[in-house]
N, C-alpha and C. Protein backbone atom coordinates (compact mmCIF):
# COMPACT_ATOMS: atom_id res chain seq x y z
N UNK A 1 143.65 53.78 64.44
CA UNK A 1 142.47 54.52 64.88
C UNK A 1 141.49 54.66 63.70
N UNK A 2 140.22 54.41 63.99
CA UNK A 2 139.21 54.50 62.94
C UNK A 2 138.87 55.94 62.61
N UNK A 3 138.55 56.17 61.37
CA UNK A 3 138.19 57.51 60.92
C UNK A 3 136.83 57.92 61.49
N UNK A 4 136.72 59.18 61.88
CA UNK A 4 135.49 59.73 62.44
C UNK A 4 134.59 60.26 61.33
N UNK A 5 133.30 60.01 61.50
CA UNK A 5 132.29 60.52 60.60
C UNK A 5 131.27 61.28 61.44
N UNK A 6 130.97 62.49 61.04
CA UNK A 6 129.95 63.29 61.71
C UNK A 6 128.73 63.39 60.80
N UNK A 7 127.60 62.93 61.30
CA UNK A 7 126.34 63.01 60.57
C UNK A 7 125.65 64.28 61.05
N UNK A 8 125.40 65.22 60.13
CA UNK A 8 124.80 66.50 60.53
C UNK A 8 123.28 66.41 60.52
N UNK A 9 122.68 66.78 61.62
CA UNK A 9 121.23 66.84 61.78
C UNK A 9 120.73 68.20 61.29
N UNK A 10 119.46 68.27 60.97
CA UNK A 10 118.84 69.50 60.48
C UNK A 10 119.02 70.67 61.44
N UNK A 11 118.76 70.45 62.72
CA UNK A 11 118.82 71.56 63.67
C UNK A 11 120.23 72.14 63.75
N UNK A 12 121.24 71.28 63.71
CA UNK A 12 122.63 71.74 63.77
C UNK A 12 123.01 72.45 62.47
N UNK A 13 122.60 71.91 61.34
CA UNK A 13 122.92 72.55 60.07
C UNK A 13 122.23 73.91 59.96
N UNK A 14 120.98 74.01 60.41
CA UNK A 14 120.29 75.30 60.39
C UNK A 14 121.01 76.34 61.24
N UNK A 15 121.48 75.92 62.42
CA UNK A 15 122.24 76.84 63.29
C UNK A 15 123.53 77.25 62.62
N UNK A 16 124.24 76.29 62.06
CA UNK A 16 125.54 76.58 61.42
C UNK A 16 125.35 77.55 60.26
N UNK A 17 124.26 77.37 59.50
CA UNK A 17 123.97 78.26 58.37
C UNK A 17 123.32 79.57 58.81
N UNK A 18 122.97 79.67 60.07
CA UNK A 18 122.32 80.85 60.64
C UNK A 18 121.00 81.17 59.93
N UNK A 19 120.18 80.13 59.78
CA UNK A 19 118.86 80.30 59.18
C UNK A 19 118.01 81.13 60.14
N UNK A 20 117.43 82.24 59.68
CA UNK A 20 116.59 83.06 60.57
C UNK A 20 115.49 82.22 61.21
N UNK A 21 115.36 82.38 62.53
CA UNK A 21 114.38 81.63 63.29
C UNK A 21 114.88 80.26 63.73
N UNK A 22 116.04 79.84 63.24
CA UNK A 22 116.60 78.52 63.57
C UNK A 22 118.06 78.66 63.99
N UNK A 23 118.43 79.82 64.53
CA UNK A 23 119.83 80.11 64.83
C UNK A 23 120.35 79.48 66.11
N UNK A 24 119.44 78.92 66.94
CA UNK A 24 119.86 78.19 68.14
C UNK A 24 119.01 76.94 68.24
N UNK A 25 119.54 75.96 68.94
CA UNK A 25 118.81 74.71 69.17
C UNK A 25 119.29 74.08 70.46
N UNK A 26 118.54 73.12 70.93
CA UNK A 26 118.92 72.40 72.13
C UNK A 26 118.25 72.93 73.37
N UNK A 27 118.33 72.15 74.45
CA UNK A 27 117.72 72.57 75.72
C UNK A 27 118.47 73.77 76.32
N UNK A 28 117.84 74.43 77.25
CA UNK A 28 118.41 75.65 77.84
C UNK A 28 119.78 75.41 78.47
N UNK A 29 120.01 74.22 78.99
CA UNK A 29 121.31 73.96 79.63
C UNK A 29 122.37 73.44 78.66
N UNK A 30 122.01 73.35 77.38
CA UNK A 30 122.97 72.87 76.36
C UNK A 30 122.63 73.48 75.01
N UNK A 31 122.71 74.81 74.93
CA UNK A 31 122.35 75.52 73.70
C UNK A 31 123.43 75.39 72.64
N UNK A 32 123.00 75.20 71.42
CA UNK A 32 123.87 75.16 70.25
C UNK A 32 123.60 76.41 69.43
N UNK A 33 124.67 77.03 68.93
CA UNK A 33 124.54 78.18 68.04
C UNK A 33 125.64 78.09 66.99
N UNK A 34 125.66 79.05 66.09
CA UNK A 34 126.63 79.05 64.99
C UNK A 34 128.06 78.94 65.50
N UNK A 35 128.43 79.76 66.47
CA UNK A 35 129.83 79.79 66.93
C UNK A 35 130.25 78.45 67.53
N UNK A 36 129.37 77.85 68.33
CA UNK A 36 129.70 76.55 68.93
C UNK A 36 129.88 75.48 67.85
N UNK A 37 128.97 75.44 66.90
CA UNK A 37 129.04 74.44 65.84
C UNK A 37 130.24 74.68 64.95
N UNK A 38 130.49 75.93 64.60
CA UNK A 38 131.62 76.27 63.73
C UNK A 38 132.94 75.87 64.39
N UNK A 39 133.09 76.14 65.68
CA UNK A 39 134.31 75.77 66.40
C UNK A 39 134.48 74.25 66.43
N UNK A 40 133.39 73.54 66.70
CA UNK A 40 133.45 72.08 66.74
C UNK A 40 133.82 71.51 65.37
N UNK A 41 133.21 72.02 64.31
CA UNK A 41 133.51 71.51 62.98
C UNK A 41 134.94 71.84 62.55
N UNK A 42 135.45 72.98 62.97
CA UNK A 42 136.86 73.31 62.67
C UNK A 42 137.80 72.33 63.37
N UNK A 43 137.49 71.98 64.62
CA UNK A 43 138.30 70.99 65.34
C UNK A 43 138.24 69.64 64.64
N UNK A 44 137.05 69.26 64.21
CA UNK A 44 136.89 67.97 63.53
C UNK A 44 137.57 67.97 62.17
N UNK A 45 137.53 69.09 61.48
CA UNK A 45 138.22 69.20 60.19
C UNK A 45 139.72 69.03 60.40
N UNK A 46 140.25 69.60 61.47
CA UNK A 46 141.69 69.47 61.77
C UNK A 46 142.07 68.03 62.09
N UNK A 47 141.10 67.23 62.57
CA UNK A 47 141.33 65.82 62.86
C UNK A 47 141.08 64.94 61.63
N UNK A 48 140.78 65.57 60.49
CA UNK A 48 140.45 64.86 59.25
C UNK A 48 139.16 64.05 59.34
N UNK A 49 138.23 64.50 60.15
CA UNK A 49 136.93 63.86 60.22
C UNK A 49 136.17 64.12 58.93
N UNK A 50 135.22 63.26 58.65
CA UNK A 50 134.39 63.40 57.46
C UNK A 50 133.01 63.86 57.88
N UNK A 51 132.45 64.80 57.13
CA UNK A 51 131.11 65.32 57.39
C UNK A 51 130.14 64.67 56.41
N UNK A 52 129.00 64.24 56.93
CA UNK A 52 127.99 63.59 56.10
C UNK A 52 126.72 64.43 56.12
N UNK A 53 126.20 64.69 54.93
CA UNK A 53 124.97 65.45 54.75
C UNK A 53 123.87 64.46 54.31
N UNK A 54 123.07 63.96 55.26
CA UNK A 54 122.00 63.03 54.88
C UNK A 54 120.95 63.74 54.02
N UNK A 55 120.32 63.00 53.16
CA UNK A 55 119.31 63.59 52.27
C UNK A 55 118.17 64.22 53.09
N UNK A 56 117.80 63.59 54.21
CA UNK A 56 116.74 64.16 55.06
C UNK A 56 117.16 65.53 55.59
N UNK A 57 118.41 65.65 56.01
CA UNK A 57 118.91 66.93 56.52
C UNK A 57 118.89 67.98 55.41
N UNK A 58 119.30 67.58 54.22
CA UNK A 58 119.30 68.50 53.08
C UNK A 58 117.88 69.01 52.80
N UNK A 59 116.93 68.10 52.72
CA UNK A 59 115.55 68.49 52.40
C UNK A 59 114.93 69.33 53.51
N UNK A 60 115.08 68.88 54.76
CA UNK A 60 114.49 69.62 55.87
C UNK A 60 115.10 71.01 56.01
N UNK A 61 116.43 71.10 55.88
CA UNK A 61 117.09 72.41 55.99
C UNK A 61 116.65 73.31 54.84
N UNK A 62 116.57 72.75 53.65
CA UNK A 62 116.08 73.52 52.50
C UNK A 62 114.68 74.05 52.73
N UNK A 63 113.82 73.24 53.33
CA UNK A 63 112.46 73.70 53.64
C UNK A 63 112.48 74.85 54.64
N UNK A 64 113.31 74.73 55.69
CA UNK A 64 113.41 75.81 56.69
C UNK A 64 113.92 77.10 56.05
N UNK A 65 114.89 76.97 55.16
CA UNK A 65 115.42 78.16 54.48
C UNK A 65 114.35 78.81 53.62
N UNK A 66 113.61 78.01 52.86
CA UNK A 66 112.58 78.55 51.98
C UNK A 66 111.45 79.22 52.76
N UNK A 67 111.24 78.81 54.01
CA UNK A 67 110.17 79.39 54.83
C UNK A 67 110.69 80.47 55.78
N UNK A 68 111.98 80.76 55.74
CA UNK A 68 112.55 81.77 56.65
C UNK A 68 111.99 83.15 56.31
N UNK A 69 111.90 84.01 57.33
CA UNK A 69 111.34 85.34 57.09
C UNK A 69 112.28 86.27 56.31
N UNK A 70 113.56 85.91 56.23
CA UNK A 70 114.51 86.76 55.52
C UNK A 70 115.75 85.94 55.15
N UNK A 71 116.62 86.51 54.38
CA UNK A 71 117.92 85.94 54.01
C UNK A 71 117.83 84.57 53.32
N UNK A 72 116.72 84.32 52.65
CA UNK A 72 116.54 83.02 52.00
C UNK A 72 117.59 82.77 50.92
N UNK A 73 117.84 83.76 50.08
CA UNK A 73 118.81 83.55 49.00
C UNK A 73 120.21 83.29 49.55
N UNK A 74 120.63 84.07 50.53
CA UNK A 74 121.97 83.92 51.10
C UNK A 74 122.13 82.54 51.76
N UNK A 75 121.15 82.14 52.55
CA UNK A 75 121.24 80.85 53.25
C UNK A 75 121.13 79.69 52.26
N UNK A 76 120.28 79.84 51.25
CA UNK A 76 120.17 78.80 50.22
C UNK A 76 121.48 78.67 49.45
N UNK A 77 122.13 79.79 49.18
CA UNK A 77 123.42 79.76 48.48
C UNK A 77 124.48 79.04 49.32
N UNK A 78 124.48 79.29 50.63
CA UNK A 78 125.44 78.60 51.51
C UNK A 78 125.19 77.10 51.52
N UNK A 79 123.92 76.71 51.64
CA UNK A 79 123.59 75.28 51.61
C UNK A 79 123.96 74.68 50.27
N UNK A 80 123.70 75.40 49.20
CA UNK A 80 124.05 74.90 47.86
C UNK A 80 125.55 74.67 47.73
N UNK A 81 126.36 75.52 48.35
CA UNK A 81 127.81 75.31 48.32
C UNK A 81 128.20 74.01 49.01
N UNK A 82 127.60 73.73 50.17
CA UNK A 82 127.90 72.47 50.86
C UNK A 82 127.41 71.27 50.04
N UNK A 83 126.28 71.43 49.39
CA UNK A 83 125.77 70.35 48.55
C UNK A 83 126.73 70.07 47.38
N UNK A 84 127.25 71.12 46.77
CA UNK A 84 128.24 70.94 45.69
C UNK A 84 129.48 70.22 46.21
N UNK A 85 129.95 70.61 47.40
CA UNK A 85 131.13 69.95 47.97
C UNK A 85 130.85 68.48 48.25
N UNK A 86 129.65 68.17 48.74
CA UNK A 86 129.29 66.77 48.98
C UNK A 86 129.14 66.02 47.65
N UNK A 87 128.58 66.67 46.65
CA UNK A 87 128.43 66.03 45.34
C UNK A 87 129.79 65.68 44.75
N UNK A 88 130.76 66.53 45.00
CA UNK A 88 132.12 66.32 44.47
C UNK A 88 133.04 65.60 45.45
N UNK A 89 132.50 65.20 46.60
CA UNK A 89 133.27 64.52 47.65
C UNK A 89 134.51 65.33 48.04
N UNK A 90 134.33 66.66 48.09
CA UNK A 90 135.42 67.54 48.50
C UNK A 90 135.56 67.52 50.01
N UNK A 91 136.75 67.27 50.48
CA UNK A 91 137.02 67.19 51.91
C UNK A 91 136.59 68.48 52.60
N UNK A 92 135.94 68.36 53.72
CA UNK A 92 135.72 67.22 54.59
C UNK A 92 134.44 66.44 54.29
N UNK A 93 133.74 66.74 53.21
CA UNK A 93 132.44 66.15 52.95
C UNK A 93 132.55 64.76 52.33
N UNK A 94 131.73 63.84 52.83
CA UNK A 94 131.60 62.52 52.21
C UNK A 94 130.83 62.68 50.91
N UNK A 95 131.13 61.83 49.96
CA UNK A 95 130.38 61.86 48.70
C UNK A 95 128.90 61.62 48.98
N UNK A 96 128.07 62.46 48.44
CA UNK A 96 126.64 62.34 48.64
C UNK A 96 126.15 60.98 48.14
N UNK A 97 126.76 60.49 47.08
CA UNK A 97 126.35 59.21 46.50
C UNK A 97 126.71 58.02 47.38
N UNK A 98 127.55 58.20 48.40
CA UNK A 98 127.86 57.10 49.32
C UNK A 98 126.60 56.53 49.95
N UNK A 99 125.57 57.36 50.08
CA UNK A 99 124.34 56.94 50.73
C UNK A 99 123.36 56.25 49.78
N UNK A 100 123.70 56.18 48.50
CA UNK A 100 122.75 55.66 47.52
C UNK A 100 122.25 54.25 47.81
N UNK A 101 123.06 53.34 48.39
CA UNK A 101 122.52 52.01 48.70
C UNK A 101 121.32 52.06 49.65
N UNK A 102 121.24 53.10 50.47
CA UNK A 102 120.14 53.21 51.42
C UNK A 102 118.81 53.48 50.73
N UNK A 103 118.85 53.91 49.47
CA UNK A 103 117.63 54.28 48.75
C UNK A 103 117.24 53.24 47.71
N UNK A 104 117.89 52.07 47.76
CA UNK A 104 117.51 50.98 46.86
C UNK A 104 116.26 50.30 47.40
N UNK A 105 115.58 49.55 46.54
CA UNK A 105 114.28 48.97 46.86
C UNK A 105 114.29 48.17 48.16
N UNK A 106 115.28 47.32 48.36
CA UNK A 106 115.31 46.48 49.57
C UNK A 106 115.35 47.33 50.84
N UNK A 107 116.19 48.36 50.84
CA UNK A 107 116.30 49.22 52.02
C UNK A 107 115.07 50.09 52.20
N UNK A 108 114.44 50.50 51.11
CA UNK A 108 113.20 51.26 51.24
C UNK A 108 112.08 50.39 51.83
N UNK A 109 112.06 49.10 51.47
CA UNK A 109 111.08 48.19 52.07
C UNK A 109 111.34 48.04 53.57
N UNK A 110 112.62 47.93 53.94
CA UNK A 110 112.97 47.83 55.36
C UNK A 110 112.52 49.08 56.11
N UNK A 111 112.73 50.25 55.52
CA UNK A 111 112.27 51.50 56.12
C UNK A 111 110.75 51.50 56.24
N UNK A 112 110.07 51.05 55.19
CA UNK A 112 108.61 51.00 55.22
C UNK A 112 108.10 50.07 56.32
N UNK A 113 108.82 48.98 56.55
CA UNK A 113 108.41 48.03 57.59
C UNK A 113 108.70 48.56 59.00
N UNK A 114 109.80 49.29 59.17
CA UNK A 114 110.20 49.72 60.52
C UNK A 114 109.64 51.08 60.92
N UNK A 115 109.38 51.95 59.97
CA UNK A 115 109.03 53.31 60.33
C UNK A 115 107.69 53.48 61.05
N UNK A 116 106.65 52.72 60.72
CA UNK A 116 105.40 52.95 61.46
C UNK A 116 105.56 52.81 62.98
N UNK A 117 106.35 51.83 63.43
CA UNK A 117 106.58 51.69 64.88
C UNK A 117 107.36 52.89 65.42
N UNK A 118 108.34 53.34 64.64
CA UNK A 118 109.11 54.52 65.06
C UNK A 118 108.21 55.75 65.11
N UNK A 119 107.36 55.91 64.10
CA UNK A 119 106.45 57.06 64.05
C UNK A 119 105.50 57.05 65.25
N UNK A 120 105.01 55.86 65.60
CA UNK A 120 104.11 55.75 66.76
C UNK A 120 104.80 56.21 68.04
N UNK A 121 106.13 56.07 68.08
CA UNK A 121 106.90 56.51 69.24
C UNK A 121 107.38 57.95 69.10
N UNK A 122 107.01 58.62 67.98
CA UNK A 122 107.35 60.03 67.81
C UNK A 122 108.58 60.31 66.97
N UNK A 123 109.14 59.31 66.31
CA UNK A 123 110.33 59.52 65.48
C UNK A 123 109.92 59.84 64.05
N UNK A 124 110.39 60.96 63.53
CA UNK A 124 110.05 61.36 62.17
C UNK A 124 110.75 60.45 61.16
N UNK A 125 110.25 60.45 59.94
CA UNK A 125 110.89 59.63 58.90
C UNK A 125 112.28 60.21 58.59
N UNK A 126 112.45 61.51 58.73
CA UNK A 126 113.77 62.11 58.54
C UNK A 126 114.77 61.57 59.55
N UNK A 127 114.38 61.55 60.82
CA UNK A 127 115.26 61.02 61.86
C UNK A 127 115.52 59.53 61.65
N UNK A 128 114.51 58.80 61.20
CA UNK A 128 114.69 57.37 60.94
C UNK A 128 115.74 57.15 59.85
N UNK A 129 115.72 57.99 58.81
CA UNK A 129 116.71 57.83 57.75
C UNK A 129 118.10 58.31 58.18
N UNK A 130 118.16 59.31 59.05
CA UNK A 130 119.45 59.74 59.59
C UNK A 130 120.05 58.62 60.45
N UNK A 131 119.20 57.95 61.22
CA UNK A 131 119.63 56.79 61.99
C UNK A 131 120.21 55.72 61.06
N UNK A 132 119.54 55.48 59.94
CA UNK A 132 120.02 54.49 58.97
C UNK A 132 121.36 54.90 58.36
N UNK A 133 121.54 56.19 58.09
CA UNK A 133 122.82 56.68 57.56
C UNK A 133 123.93 56.43 58.58
N UNK A 134 123.65 56.72 59.85
CA UNK A 134 124.65 56.50 60.90
C UNK A 134 125.02 55.02 61.00
N UNK A 135 124.02 54.15 60.97
CA UNK A 135 124.29 52.70 61.04
C UNK A 135 125.08 52.23 59.82
N UNK A 136 124.77 52.77 58.67
CA UNK A 136 125.47 52.43 57.42
C UNK A 136 126.97 52.71 57.55
N UNK A 137 127.32 53.90 58.05
CA UNK A 137 128.74 54.25 58.21
C UNK A 137 129.40 53.44 59.32
N UNK A 138 128.66 53.17 60.39
CA UNK A 138 129.22 52.36 61.48
C UNK A 138 129.55 50.96 60.99
N UNK A 139 128.66 50.36 60.21
CA UNK A 139 128.90 49.03 59.66
C UNK A 139 130.10 49.02 58.71
N UNK A 140 130.38 50.17 58.10
CA UNK A 140 131.53 50.28 57.20
C UNK A 140 132.83 50.47 57.97
N UNK A 141 132.74 50.53 59.30
CA UNK A 141 133.95 50.59 60.13
C UNK A 141 134.34 51.97 60.63
N UNK A 142 133.49 52.95 60.45
CA UNK A 142 133.78 54.31 60.91
C UNK A 142 133.31 54.51 62.35
N UNK A 143 133.96 55.44 63.05
CA UNK A 143 133.49 55.92 64.34
C UNK A 143 132.47 57.00 64.00
N UNK A 144 131.22 56.81 64.38
CA UNK A 144 130.12 57.68 63.94
C UNK A 144 129.58 58.49 65.10
N UNK A 145 129.40 59.78 64.83
CA UNK A 145 128.70 60.65 65.78
C UNK A 145 127.61 61.38 65.03
N UNK A 146 126.40 61.36 65.59
CA UNK A 146 125.32 62.17 65.04
C UNK A 146 125.41 63.52 65.71
N UNK A 147 125.68 64.54 64.93
CA UNK A 147 125.82 65.89 65.47
C UNK A 147 124.43 66.51 65.54
N UNK A 148 123.85 66.49 66.75
CA UNK A 148 122.49 66.94 66.96
C UNK A 148 122.31 67.43 68.39
N UNK A 149 121.34 68.31 68.56
CA UNK A 149 120.96 68.75 69.90
C UNK A 149 119.71 68.00 70.36
N UNK A 150 119.24 67.08 69.53
CA UNK A 150 118.03 66.31 69.81
C UNK A 150 118.41 65.01 70.52
N UNK A 151 118.09 64.92 71.81
CA UNK A 151 118.46 63.74 72.60
C UNK A 151 117.83 62.47 72.04
N UNK A 152 116.62 62.57 71.48
CA UNK A 152 115.97 61.40 70.90
C UNK A 152 116.75 60.85 69.72
N UNK A 153 117.20 61.72 68.83
CA UNK A 153 117.99 61.29 67.69
C UNK A 153 119.37 60.82 68.14
N UNK A 154 119.96 61.52 69.08
CA UNK A 154 121.29 61.15 69.59
C UNK A 154 121.27 59.73 70.17
N UNK A 155 120.14 59.33 70.73
CA UNK A 155 120.02 57.99 71.31
C UNK A 155 120.17 56.89 70.26
N UNK A 156 119.95 57.24 68.98
CA UNK A 156 120.11 56.27 67.90
C UNK A 156 121.54 56.17 67.38
N UNK A 157 122.43 56.95 67.96
CA UNK A 157 123.83 56.91 67.53
C UNK A 157 124.38 55.50 67.73
N UNK A 158 125.06 54.95 66.73
CA UNK A 158 125.57 53.59 66.88
C UNK A 158 126.54 53.47 68.04
N UNK A 159 126.42 52.36 68.76
CA UNK A 159 127.32 52.09 69.86
C UNK A 159 128.68 51.74 69.27
N UNK A 160 129.71 52.38 69.78
CA UNK A 160 131.06 52.15 69.28
C UNK A 160 131.67 50.97 70.02
N UNK A 161 132.26 50.01 69.29
CA UNK A 161 132.88 48.88 69.98
C UNK A 161 134.06 49.35 70.82
N UNK A 162 134.21 48.73 71.95
CA UNK A 162 135.32 49.05 72.84
C UNK A 162 136.60 48.41 72.27
N UNK A 163 137.63 49.22 72.18
CA UNK A 163 138.91 48.70 71.69
C UNK A 163 139.55 47.82 72.78
N UNK A 164 139.86 46.61 72.41
CA UNK A 164 140.48 45.69 73.35
C UNK A 164 141.99 45.75 73.13
N UNK A 165 142.72 46.13 74.18
CA UNK A 165 144.17 46.23 74.01
C UNK A 165 144.78 44.86 73.73
N UNK A 166 145.78 44.86 72.90
CA UNK A 166 146.48 43.62 72.59
C UNK A 166 147.52 43.36 73.64
N UNK A 167 147.69 42.11 73.98
CA UNK A 167 148.70 41.75 74.96
C UNK A 167 150.05 41.66 74.30
N UNK A 168 151.02 42.06 75.05
CA UNK A 168 152.39 41.90 74.57
C UNK A 168 152.88 40.52 74.97
N UNK A 169 153.65 39.94 74.12
CA UNK A 169 154.18 38.59 74.44
C UNK A 169 155.61 38.66 74.82
């Protein structure tokens, strides 16, 4: 069985961190909040899943925390703890540096070439890079899930190959 990787989106991370003004996300019939996300991540941790913190999620979440009406220091400290764990590749976090190939010149040119079409369709550059992170892990052989309440971003989740059962002889 392939190892699972969860790519955390900004909206989900903000809910999990309980950023004031960002404590819930998703449509009315599928609301996400701290308790739902925390329970899901605990289940995934028990399955030895790996959590990935994309740079776009880090920056966007940091911006939301800095603009929050209250609890900025507490929420920033919580995010900083997760960043330290990712920097040190402490389980369940993937090493933050695993994503470094995505920021090399060739991949930045590819992003520059593809993003204007995505932007015209309403996809932010943050979501475009999260999509690239998901594809990067999928190509490395992981089962990838983008943990998001955003149906548009979820649509970019890599298609998982169907396991073909082996015949017995």
